Amino acid sequence: MIKKTLRFLFRWGYRACVFVLTLSTCLYFNTLWRYLSNYSIEGFGERNETRQVEHWEELPRQGTERQKSWLMIGVPTVCRKNKNYLGPTLSSLVNHMHEVTGITIVVCICDTHKACRENIKINLTSQFFPYIESGLIQVIETPKHYYAPLMNLKQTFNDSETRVRWRSKQNLDYSFLMQHCANKSEYYLQLEDDVITVPRYINKIKSYMLKIKQSWTMLDFSTLGFIGKLFKSKDLGKLAILLRTFYNEQPCDYLIYYYLKLMLQKDRHIRIPSLFQHRGHFSSLPNLVRNISEPYSHFPSFKKRYHGDNPEATIFTSLSPWMSYKPSFAYFTSDNEMFWSTTPRIGDHYTVVFKTPQRIARIVVLTGKPRDMADHLQGGILELGTTVKAVSGGKLACSNLSRIEKFVKGNIDIKVTKSVEPTKCLKVTITKQQDTWLIIREIAVFTKPK
């Protein structure tokens, strides 16, 4: 009897021990999984911990559990010595939404100074408490351990050590914000903390998206830097990794060119007029004062003046275009379209080759921005050619040229009175060192009646 009792106790006691041990192991791994979920190790090689600002120990957590947004708007911010632009930026974003839903504004406090962070929180609480409480505005902070080394950085683009450190940290700030927002909405819009927007900007974004028929990775709603760039949220992780990996080598608005190439987006899709205007006079880079504004925004738009006959033609140029401001845009008669080049040099040309020879009565060439003439042609000549010749790369060059006129204050408006053969091409050539970029905003060609 005793042996049977001991055998029974041993058999079931063993099973009970195995059950308890298995249960303990499961509970242990469940706890470990929860811990790792809160402090996950990302592909960056560092802990990607987002510190959600929790009430400032006072704010209620109402609205923090929300459904997936349609759009997240990322606004990184730091303290500036002379001016705070974050309040007006958030007011503009909130007031100009006009009752749309599915939007979340994520303010990322990126300043490394504790006193500055606390000051930003206090100001946000006092100005935007109802929007924070509802979840329309969310506030996060970059953890100190997130930043890669920012000392002894490689100096590139002839930038000073201070500027290299500033733009390198900016890359890391943007990378952290994007990684936090990835896959939490359908789309993500990158802004800065010193911009304003136009009324009903969300509706205008949606309308423009419907007009883009081809596949896209990024849409531009501003031509300035990294302002107003719209991405698909599912792609943000890739961009965040690129920004972090090459944080020292190049500024963020240069890295975006490589990102688009990697994502196989050939051309930029820029909405003109733009929806966002830069308003910051004091940069987040210490001791830098700048007056940069969006040249082609709703404040105001740009219209072609002359609308010439402009016979069918092909454009050839040695000038490199900036973003998607294509050479052909200067010859097109559509409003808000122009050619913009970043690297004009003496000897560079812009050539229009007509499909068939033309008898020309008048030519108008306008350069520079329409309001202040910035980026105008500082020295150049206009020539007409009666023949063309083939050159390398399948291109055509204007030949048998006659000089017609030189540019005065960046413009030409000339009546062609000389008795010449029908014109096959016209050529604009740079003759003076250009110390700015170059805009050719309109070319109007008027032909004689047949």
Protein backbone atom coordinates (compact mmCIF):
# COMPACT_ATOMS: atom_id res chain seq x y z
CA MET A 1 0.00 0.00 0.00
CA ILE A 2 2.78 2.38 0.92
CA LYS A 3 4.62 1.56 -2.31
CA LYS A 4 1.51 2.30 -4.39
CA THR A 5 0.99 5.59 -2.54
CA LEU A 6 4.61 6.64 -3.08
CA ARG A 7 4.45 5.62 -6.76
CA PHE A 8 1.24 7.70 -7.18
CA LEU A 9 2.72 10.73 -5.44
CA PHE A 10 5.93 10.48 -7.44
CA ARG A 11 4.10 10.16 -10.77
CA TRP A 12 1.65 13.04 -10.26
CA GLY A 13 4.09 15.15 -8.25
CA TYR A 14 6.51 14.98 -11.17
CA ARG A 15 3.78 16.04 -13.58
CA ALA A 16 2.74 18.88 -11.28
CA CYS A 17 6.34 20.10 -11.13
CA VAL A 18 6.63 20.02 -14.92
CA PHE A 19 3.35 21.94 -15.23
CA VAL A 20 4.44 24.61 -12.73
CA LEU A 21 7.84 24.91 -14.41
CA THR A 22 6.22 25.27 -17.86
CA LEU A 23 3.78 27.88 -16.58
CA SER A 24 6.61 29.86 -14.95
CA THR A 25 8.63 29.74 -18.17
CA CYS A 26 5.66 31.03 -20.18
CA LEU A 27 5.08 33.86 -17.73
CA TYR A 28 8.78 34.75 -17.86
CA PHE A 29 8.88 34.93 -21.64
CA ASN A 30 5.62 36.88 -21.71
CA THR A 31 7.11 39.47 -19.38
CA LEU A 32 10.33 39.56 -21.41
CA TRP A 33 8.35 40.07 -24.66
CA ARG A 34 6.44 42.98 -23.16
CA TYR A 35 9.69 44.53 -22.02
CA LEU A 36 11.28 44.15 -25.44
CA SER A 37 8.15 45.54 -27.11
CA ASN A 38 8.54 48.74 -25.10
CA TYR A 39 12.29 48.92 -25.65
CA SER A 40 12.77 47.37 -29.08
CA ILE A 41 16.10 47.21 -30.81
CA GLU A 42 15.70 48.62 -34.33
CA GLY A 43 17.88 48.13 -37.37
CA PHE A 44 19.76 51.30 -36.43
CA GLY A 45 21.76 49.39 -33.84
CA GLU A 46 20.41 51.53 -30.98
CA ARG A 47 17.37 51.54 -28.80
CA ASN A 48 14.54 53.40 -30.49
CA GLU A 49 12.68 54.58 -27.44
CA THR A 50 10.01 57.23 -27.89
CA ARG A 51 9.21 59.13 -24.77
CA GLN A 52 5.58 60.15 -25.04
CA VAL A 53 5.08 63.28 -22.98
CA GLU A 54 2.80 61.99 -20.26
CA HIS A 55 0.62 64.79 -19.02
CA TRP A 56 3.70 66.67 -18.06
CA GLU A 57 2.56 64.65 -15.04
CA GLU A 58 -0.72 66.56 -15.41
CA LEU A 59 -2.22 66.09 -18.88
CA PRO A 60 -4.98 63.46 -19.07
CA ARG A 61 -4.48 60.56 -21.47
CA GLN A 62 -7.81 60.96 -23.19
CA GLY A 63 -7.59 60.34 -26.95
CA THR A 64 -4.17 58.70 -26.89
CA GLU A 65 -5.63 55.39 -28.09
CA ARG A 66 -6.83 56.38 -31.54
CA GLN A 67 -7.60 54.67 -34.78
CA LYS A 68 -5.05 54.83 -37.58
CA SER A 69 -4.93 58.37 -38.94
CA TRP A 70 -5.20 59.29 -42.60
CA LEU A 71 -2.35 61.78 -42.24
CA MET A 72 0.33 62.43 -39.64
CA ILE A 73 2.06 65.81 -39.77
CA GLY A 74 5.56 65.78 -38.28
CA VAL A 75 6.83 69.01 -36.71
CA PRO A 76 10.32 68.77 -35.14
CA THR A 77 11.15 71.69 -32.89
CA VAL A 78 14.04 73.15 -30.90
CA CYS A 79 14.52 76.37 -28.96
CA ARG A 80 15.69 79.48 -30.80
CA LYS A 81 17.56 82.20 -29.00
CA ASN A 82 15.60 85.15 -30.36
CA LYS A 83 12.17 83.90 -31.40
CA ASN A 84 9.63 81.11 -30.95
CA TYR A 85 7.74 80.15 -34.11
CA LEU A 86 6.14 76.89 -32.96
CA GLY A 87 2.96 78.50 -31.60
CA PRO A 88 2.05 80.34 -34.83
CA THR A 89 2.91 77.24 -36.87
CA LEU A 90 0.56 75.00 -34.88
CA SER A 91 -2.17 77.67 -34.88
CA SER A 92 -1.95 77.91 -38.66
CA LEU A 93 -2.13 74.12 -39.07
CA VAL A 94 -5.09 73.73 -36.71
CA ASN A 95 -7.11 76.78 -37.81
CA HIS A 96 -6.77 76.04 -41.53
CA MET A 97 -7.92 72.40 -41.38
CA HIS A 98 -11.60 73.39 -41.64
CA GLU A 99 -13.26 70.46 -39.88
CA VAL A 100 -11.41 67.62 -41.60
CA THR A 101 -10.85 64.42 -39.62
CA GLY A 102 -8.21 61.71 -39.52
CA ILE A 103 -5.30 64.12 -38.92
CA THR A 104 -2.66 63.92 -36.18
CA ILE A 105 0.03 66.56 -35.62
CA VAL A 106 3.13 65.08 -33.96
CA VAL A 107 5.38 67.65 -32.30
CA CYS A 108 8.83 66.21 -31.63
CA ILE A 109 10.89 68.12 -29.06
CA CYS A 110 14.47 67.68 -30.24
CA ASP A 111 16.36 70.19 -28.10
CA THR A 112 19.09 68.66 -25.96
CA HIS A 113 18.71 71.14 -23.09
CA LYS A 114 16.32 70.08 -20.32
CA ALA A 115 15.25 73.63 -19.44
CA CYS A 116 14.35 74.30 -23.06
CA ARG A 117 12.30 71.10 -23.29
CA GLU A 118 10.36 72.01 -20.18
CA ASN A 119 9.70 75.50 -21.51
CA ILE A 120 8.33 74.11 -24.78
CA LYS A 121 6.01 71.78 -22.82
CA ILE A 122 4.72 74.62 -20.68
CA ASN A 123 3.98 76.77 -23.72
CA LEU A 124 2.24 73.90 -25.54
CA THR A 125 0.11 73.16 -22.49
CA SER A 126 -1.00 76.75 -22.08
CA GLN A 127 -1.76 77.34 -25.77
CA PHE A 128 -3.00 73.98 -27.10
CA PHE A 129 -4.32 72.00 -24.13
CA PRO A 130 -7.72 71.10 -25.76
CA TYR A 131 -5.98 69.77 -28.89
CA ILE A 132 -3.46 67.76 -26.85
CA GLU A 133 -6.26 66.39 -24.69
CA SER A 134 -8.25 65.31 -27.76
CA GLY A 135 -5.21 63.71 -29.40
CA LEU A 136 -5.13 66.04 -32.41
CA ILE A 137 -1.69 67.17 -31.23
CA GLN A 138 0.71 64.59 -29.83
CA VAL A 139 4.03 65.48 -28.25
CA ILE A 140 7.10 63.26 -28.11
CA GLU A 141 10.74 63.78 -27.17
CA THR A 142 13.96 62.40 -28.60
CA PRO A 143 15.80 60.36 -25.91
CA LYS A 144 19.32 61.51 -25.22
CA HIS A 145 20.86 58.10 -25.92
CA TYR A 146 19.37 58.11 -29.43
CA TYR A 147 21.94 60.50 -30.88
CA ALA A 148 25.01 59.14 -32.59
CA PRO A 149 28.30 60.96 -31.85
CA LEU A 150 28.11 64.62 -32.85
CA MET A 151 31.72 65.57 -32.13
CA ASN A 152 34.72 65.25 -34.47
CA LEU A 153 32.43 64.90 -37.47
CA LYS A 154 33.71 64.76 -41.02
CA GLN A 155 33.42 68.22 -42.61
CA THR A 156 31.76 68.12 -46.04
CA PHE A 157 30.56 70.76 -48.55
CA ASN A 158 33.07 73.22 -47.00
CA ASP A 159 30.67 73.69 -44.08
CA SER A 160 31.98 74.87 -40.73
CA GLU A 161 32.22 72.43 -37.85
CA THR A 162 29.22 74.11 -36.20
CA ARG A 163 27.07 73.84 -39.29
CA VAL A 164 28.05 70.19 -39.89
CA ARG A 165 27.06 69.36 -36.30
CA TRP A 166 23.75 71.23 -36.70
CA ARG A 167 22.70 69.55 -39.97
CA SER A 168 23.89 66.14 -38.75
CA LYS A 169 21.71 66.44 -35.66
CA GLN A 170 18.84 67.60 -37.86
CA ASN A 171 19.13 64.36 -39.87
CA LEU A 172 18.93 62.37 -36.64
CA ASP A 173 15.94 64.43 -35.41
CA TYR A 174 14.03 63.78 -38.64
CA SER A 175 15.00 60.12 -38.63
CA PHE A 176 13.68 59.61 -35.10
CA LEU A 177 10.40 61.42 -35.83
CA MET A 178 9.81 59.43 -39.02
CA GLN A 179 10.61 56.13 -37.32
CA HIS A 180 8.09 56.97 -34.61
CA CYS A 181 5.35 57.84 -37.14
CA ALA A 182 5.98 54.95 -39.54
CA ASN A 183 2.89 52.79 -40.24
CA LYS A 184 0.68 54.78 -37.86
CA SER A 185 -1.20 56.52 -40.67
CA GLU A 186 -1.74 56.25 -44.40
CA TYR A 187 0.44 59.26 -45.21
CA TYR A 188 3.03 61.44 -43.49
CA LEU A 189 3.76 65.15 -44.10
CA GLN A 190 7.12 66.61 -43.03
CA LEU A 191 7.14 70.25 -41.93
CA GLU A 192 9.32 72.55 -39.84
CA ASP A 193 8.37 74.59 -36.80
CA ASP A 194 8.49 77.99 -38.55
CA VAL A 195 5.94 77.77 -41.40
CA ILE A 196 2.37 78.84 -42.09
CA THR A 197 -0.14 77.25 -44.41
CA VAL A 198 -3.06 78.28 -46.60
CA PRO A 199 -6.75 77.74 -45.74
CA ARG A 200 -8.11 74.24 -46.48
CA TYR A 201 -4.63 72.90 -47.11
CA ILE A 202 -5.72 69.33 -46.36
CA ASN A 203 -8.37 69.45 -49.08
CA LYS A 204 -5.81 70.89 -51.50
CA ILE A 205 -3.41 68.04 -50.70
CA LYS A 206 -6.12 65.46 -51.39
CA SER A 207 -7.09 67.15 -54.66
CA TYR A 208 -3.50 67.19 -55.89
CA MET A 209 -3.02 63.53 -54.98
CA LEU A 210 -5.97 62.62 -57.21
CA LYS A 211 -4.28 64.37 -60.16
CA ILE A 212 -1.12 62.26 -59.92
CA LYS A 213 -1.83 59.17 -62.01
CA GLN A 214 1.61 57.52 -61.92
CA SER A 215 3.18 55.77 -58.97
CA TRP A 216 4.95 58.11 -56.53
CA THR A 217 7.13 58.01 -53.43
CA MET A 218 7.07 61.71 -52.48
CA LEU A 219 4.94 64.72 -53.36
CA ASP A 220 6.22 68.29 -52.88
CA PHE A 221 3.89 70.92 -51.45
CA SER A 222 6.75 73.40 -51.06
CA THR A 223 9.94 73.97 -53.06
CA LEU A 224 11.95 74.81 -49.93
CA GLY A 225 14.30 72.31 -48.30
CA PHE A 226 12.46 69.57 -46.41
CA ILE A 227 9.22 71.51 -45.94
CA GLY A 228 5.90 70.15 -47.19
CA LYS A 229 7.12 66.71 -48.30
CA LEU A 230 4.39 64.05 -48.36
CA PHE A 231 5.31 60.36 -48.04
CA LYS A 232 3.48 57.09 -47.72
CA SER A 233 3.76 56.05 -44.10
CA LYS A 234 4.75 52.51 -45.01
CA ASP A 235 7.96 53.87 -46.63
CA LEU A 236 9.06 56.05 -43.71
CA GLY A 237 11.23 53.38 -42.11
CA LYS A 238 13.46 53.24 -45.19
CA LEU A 239 13.89 57.00 -45.29
CA ALA A 240 14.58 57.10 -41.54
CA ILE A 241 17.37 54.53 -41.97
CA LEU A 242 18.91 56.52 -44.85
CA LEU A 243 18.89 59.76 -42.84
CA ARG A 244 20.48 58.06 -39.86
CA THR A 245 23.04 56.06 -41.82
CA PHE A 246 24.38 59.11 -43.71
CA TYR A 247 23.61 61.73 -41.06
CA ASN A 248 27.13 63.17 -41.22
CA GLU A 249 27.76 63.01 -44.97
CA GLN A 250 24.98 65.16 -46.47
CA PRO A 251 22.13 67.51 -45.48
CA CYS A 252 18.62 66.04 -45.43
CA ASP A 253 17.42 67.86 -48.55
CA TYR A 254 20.36 66.37 -50.49
CA LEU A 255 19.77 62.86 -49.18
CA ILE A 256 16.19 62.99 -50.43
CA TYR A 257 17.47 62.96 -54.03
CA TYR A 258 19.17 59.61 -53.43
CA TYR A 259 16.12 58.28 -51.62
CA LEU A 260 13.89 59.04 -54.61
CA LYS A 261 16.34 57.35 -56.96
CA LEU A 262 16.43 54.27 -54.76
CA MET A 263 12.63 54.25 -54.73
CA LEU A 264 12.59 54.62 -58.55
CA GLN A 265 10.79 57.98 -58.64
CA LYS A 266 12.29 59.71 -61.66
CA ASP A 267 10.63 63.14 -61.52
CA ARG A 268 9.54 65.40 -58.69
CA HIS A 269 5.82 66.12 -58.37
CA ILE A 270 5.66 69.73 -57.18
CA ARG A 271 2.36 71.45 -56.54
CA ILE A 272 2.48 75.05 -57.65
CA PRO A 273 1.31 77.25 -56.05
CA SER A 274 2.82 75.76 -52.90
CA LEU A 275 0.80 75.31 -49.73
CA PHE A 276 3.40 76.26 -47.10
CA GLN A 277 5.34 79.46 -46.57
CA HIS A 278 8.52 79.75 -44.51
CA ARG A 279 8.26 82.45 -41.84
CA GLY A 280 11.33 81.90 -39.68
CA HIS A 281 13.80 84.79 -39.66
CA PHE A 282 16.09 83.32 -36.98
CA SER A 283 17.42 79.88 -37.88
CA SER A 284 17.72 77.00 -35.43
CA LEU A 285 21.43 77.14 -36.33
CA PRO A 286 22.87 79.52 -33.71
CA ASN A 287 23.75 83.05 -34.88
CA LEU A 288 22.23 82.54 -38.34
CA VAL A 289 19.67 85.06 -39.58
CA ARG A 290 18.02 84.25 -42.89
CA ASN A 291 15.14 85.56 -44.94
CA ILE A 292 14.06 82.56 -47.00
CA SER A 293 10.53 82.49 -48.40
CA GLU A 294 8.61 80.21 -50.72
CA PRO A 295 8.81 81.84 -54.17
CA TYR A 296 5.88 79.98 -55.74
CA SER A 297 3.24 79.83 -53.07
CA HIS A 298 -0.37 80.90 -52.79
CA PHE A 299 1.12 84.23 -51.67
CA PRO A 300 0.73 84.93 -54.74
CA SER A 301 0.87 82.69 -57.86
CA PHE A 302 2.83 83.38 -61.04
CA LYS A 303 1.41 83.98 -64.53
CA LYS A 304 3.05 84.13 -67.96
CA ARG A 305 2.78 87.60 -69.50
CA TYR A 306 3.07 87.25 -73.26
CA HIS A 307 1.76 83.85 -74.39
CA GLY A 308 3.53 83.78 -77.78
CA ASP A 309 2.75 81.58 -80.76
CA ASN A 310 5.60 79.25 -79.70
CA PRO A 311 5.71 76.81 -82.65
CA GLU A 312 6.38 73.14 -81.89
CA ALA A 313 10.01 72.73 -80.88
CA THR A 314 12.56 70.65 -78.98
CA ILE A 315 14.71 72.10 -76.19
CA PHE A 316 18.44 71.40 -75.74
CA THR A 317 20.53 72.93 -72.94
CA SER A 318 23.81 72.50 -71.09
CA LEU A 319 22.22 73.86 -67.91
CA SER A 320 21.31 71.45 -65.10
CA PRO A 321 17.70 71.72 -63.87
CA TRP A 322 16.81 72.08 -60.20
CA MET A 323 14.34 69.42 -59.04
CA SER A 324 11.57 69.13 -61.65
CA TYR A 325 11.81 72.65 -63.11
CA LYS A 326 12.38 71.27 -66.61
CA PRO A 327 13.99 73.26 -69.47
CA SER A 328 10.82 72.93 -71.55
CA PHE A 329 8.79 74.80 -68.89
CA ALA A 330 10.22 78.15 -70.01
CA TYR A 331 8.93 77.59 -73.54
CA PHE A 332 5.53 76.29 -72.42
CA THR A 333 2.80 78.94 -72.23
CA SER A 334 1.21 77.50 -69.07
CA ASP A 335 1.20 79.62 -65.91
CA ASN A 336 3.40 78.69 -62.92
CA GLU A 337 5.94 76.87 -65.09
CA MET A 338 9.57 77.95 -65.57
CA PHE A 339 13.06 76.56 -65.98
CA TRP A 340 15.34 76.83 -62.95
CA SER A 341 19.04 75.91 -63.01
CA THR A 342 21.50 75.72 -60.11
CA THR A 343 24.82 75.72 -61.98
CA PRO A 344 24.95 78.40 -64.71
CA ARG A 345 28.42 79.03 -66.15
CA ILE A 346 29.88 81.17 -68.93
CA GLY A 347 29.27 79.42 -72.25
CA ASP A 348 26.19 77.49 -71.12
CA HIS A 349 23.33 77.64 -73.59
CA TYR A 350 19.57 77.21 -73.87
CA THR A 351 18.56 76.26 -77.42
CA VAL A 352 15.14 75.99 -79.04
CA VAL A 353 15.06 73.92 -82.25
CA PHE A 354 11.83 74.36 -84.22
CA LYS A 355 10.25 71.34 -85.86
CA THR A 356 9.93 73.36 -89.10
CA PRO A 357 11.71 76.62 -90.06
CA GLN A 358 9.85 79.75 -88.93
CA ARG A 359 9.64 83.39 -90.02
CA ILE A 360 9.88 85.20 -86.71
CA ALA A 361 8.48 88.66 -86.02
CA ARG A 362 9.26 89.09 -82.31
CA ILE A 363 11.02 87.29 -79.44
CA VAL A 364 10.59 87.91 -75.71
CA VAL A 365 12.80 86.20 -73.12
CA LEU A 366 12.18 86.91 -69.41
CA THR A 367 14.46 85.66 -66.64
CA GLY A 368 14.44 85.87 -62.83
CA LYS A 369 11.64 85.66 -60.31
CA PRO A 370 8.58 87.70 -61.29
CA ARG A 371 8.51 89.89 -58.20
CA ASP A 372 12.09 90.75 -57.27
CA MET A 373 14.11 89.57 -60.32
CA ALA A 374 16.23 87.26 -58.18
CA ASP A 375 18.13 84.60 -60.18
CA HIS A 376 17.94 86.65 -63.40
CA LEU A 377 20.45 86.30 -66.25
CA GLN A 378 23.30 88.69 -65.45
CA GLY A 379 24.85 88.57 -68.90
CA GLY A 380 23.87 86.84 -72.13
CA ILE A 381 23.09 87.09 -75.83
CA LEU A 382 20.30 85.88 -78.11
CA GLU A 383 21.17 84.37 -81.50
CA LEU A 384 19.10 82.94 -84.36
CA GLY A 385 20.25 80.07 -86.57
CA THR A 386 19.09 78.91 -89.98
CA THR A 387 20.46 75.37 -89.70
CA VAL A 388 21.18 72.74 -87.09
CA LYS A 389 23.85 70.06 -86.84
CA ALA A 390 23.99 66.79 -84.94
CA VAL A 391 26.29 66.55 -81.93
CA SER A 392 27.11 63.78 -79.47
CA GLY A 393 24.35 62.06 -77.57
CA GLY A 394 21.77 62.48 -80.30
CA LYS A 395 21.43 66.20 -79.59
CA LEU A 396 21.18 69.06 -82.05
CA ALA A 397 23.18 72.29 -82.03
CA CYS A 398 22.16 75.60 -83.56
CA SER A 399 24.43 76.68 -86.43
CA ASN A 400 24.83 79.45 -89.03
CA LEU A 401 24.07 81.90 -86.23
CA SER A 402 23.24 85.62 -86.34
CA ARG A 403 23.49 87.70 -83.18
CA ILE A 404 20.22 89.50 -82.51
CA GLU A 405 20.47 91.20 -79.12
CA LYS A 406 22.10 91.11 -75.70
CA PHE A 407 20.19 90.83 -72.44
CA VAL A 408 19.50 93.99 -70.44
CA LYS A 409 18.60 93.46 -66.76
CA GLY A 410 17.89 89.84 -67.53
CA ASN A 411 15.34 90.39 -70.30
CA ILE A 412 15.00 90.69 -74.07
CA ASP A 413 12.04 92.01 -76.08
CA ILE A 414 13.09 92.41 -79.71
CA LYS A 415 11.32 92.75 -83.05
CA VAL A 416 13.11 90.79 -85.76
CA THR A 417 13.28 93.21 -88.69
CA LYS A 418 16.34 91.90 -90.49
CA SER A 419 15.68 90.10 -93.75
CA VAL A 420 16.97 86.61 -93.03
CA GLU A 421 16.21 83.12 -94.09
CA PRO A 422 13.55 81.18 -92.16
CA THR A 423 14.78 80.48 -88.65
CA LYS A 424 15.41 76.89 -87.59
CA CYS A 425 16.57 77.60 -84.04
CA LEU A 426 17.23 80.24 -81.40
CA LYS A 427 19.99 80.16 -78.81
CA VAL A 428 20.53 81.95 -75.49
CA THR A 429 24.18 81.90 -74.35
CA ILE A 430 25.56 82.99 -70.96
CA THR A 431 28.38 85.51 -71.42
CA LYS A 432 29.02 86.70 -67.86
CA GLN A 433 29.90 84.90 -64.64
CA GLN A 434 26.63 84.16 -62.82
CA ASP A 435 26.85 84.41 -59.01
CA THR A 436 23.30 83.12 -58.47
CA TRP A 437 21.05 80.39 -59.82
CA LEU A 438 19.22 81.09 -63.09
CA ILE A 439 15.50 81.19 -63.83
CA ILE A 440 14.21 81.42 -67.41
CA ARG A 441 10.54 81.94 -66.72
CA GLU A 442 9.14 82.77 -70.16
CA ILE A 443 10.13 82.54 -73.81
CA ALA A 444 7.54 83.95 -76.22
CA VAL A 445 8.08 83.54 -79.97
CA PHE A 446 5.76 85.42 -82.34
CA THR A 447 5.73 84.36 -85.98
CA LYS A 448 4.89 86.35 -89.12
CA PRO A 449 1.64 85.57 -90.91
CA LYS A 450 2.11 83.20 -93.83
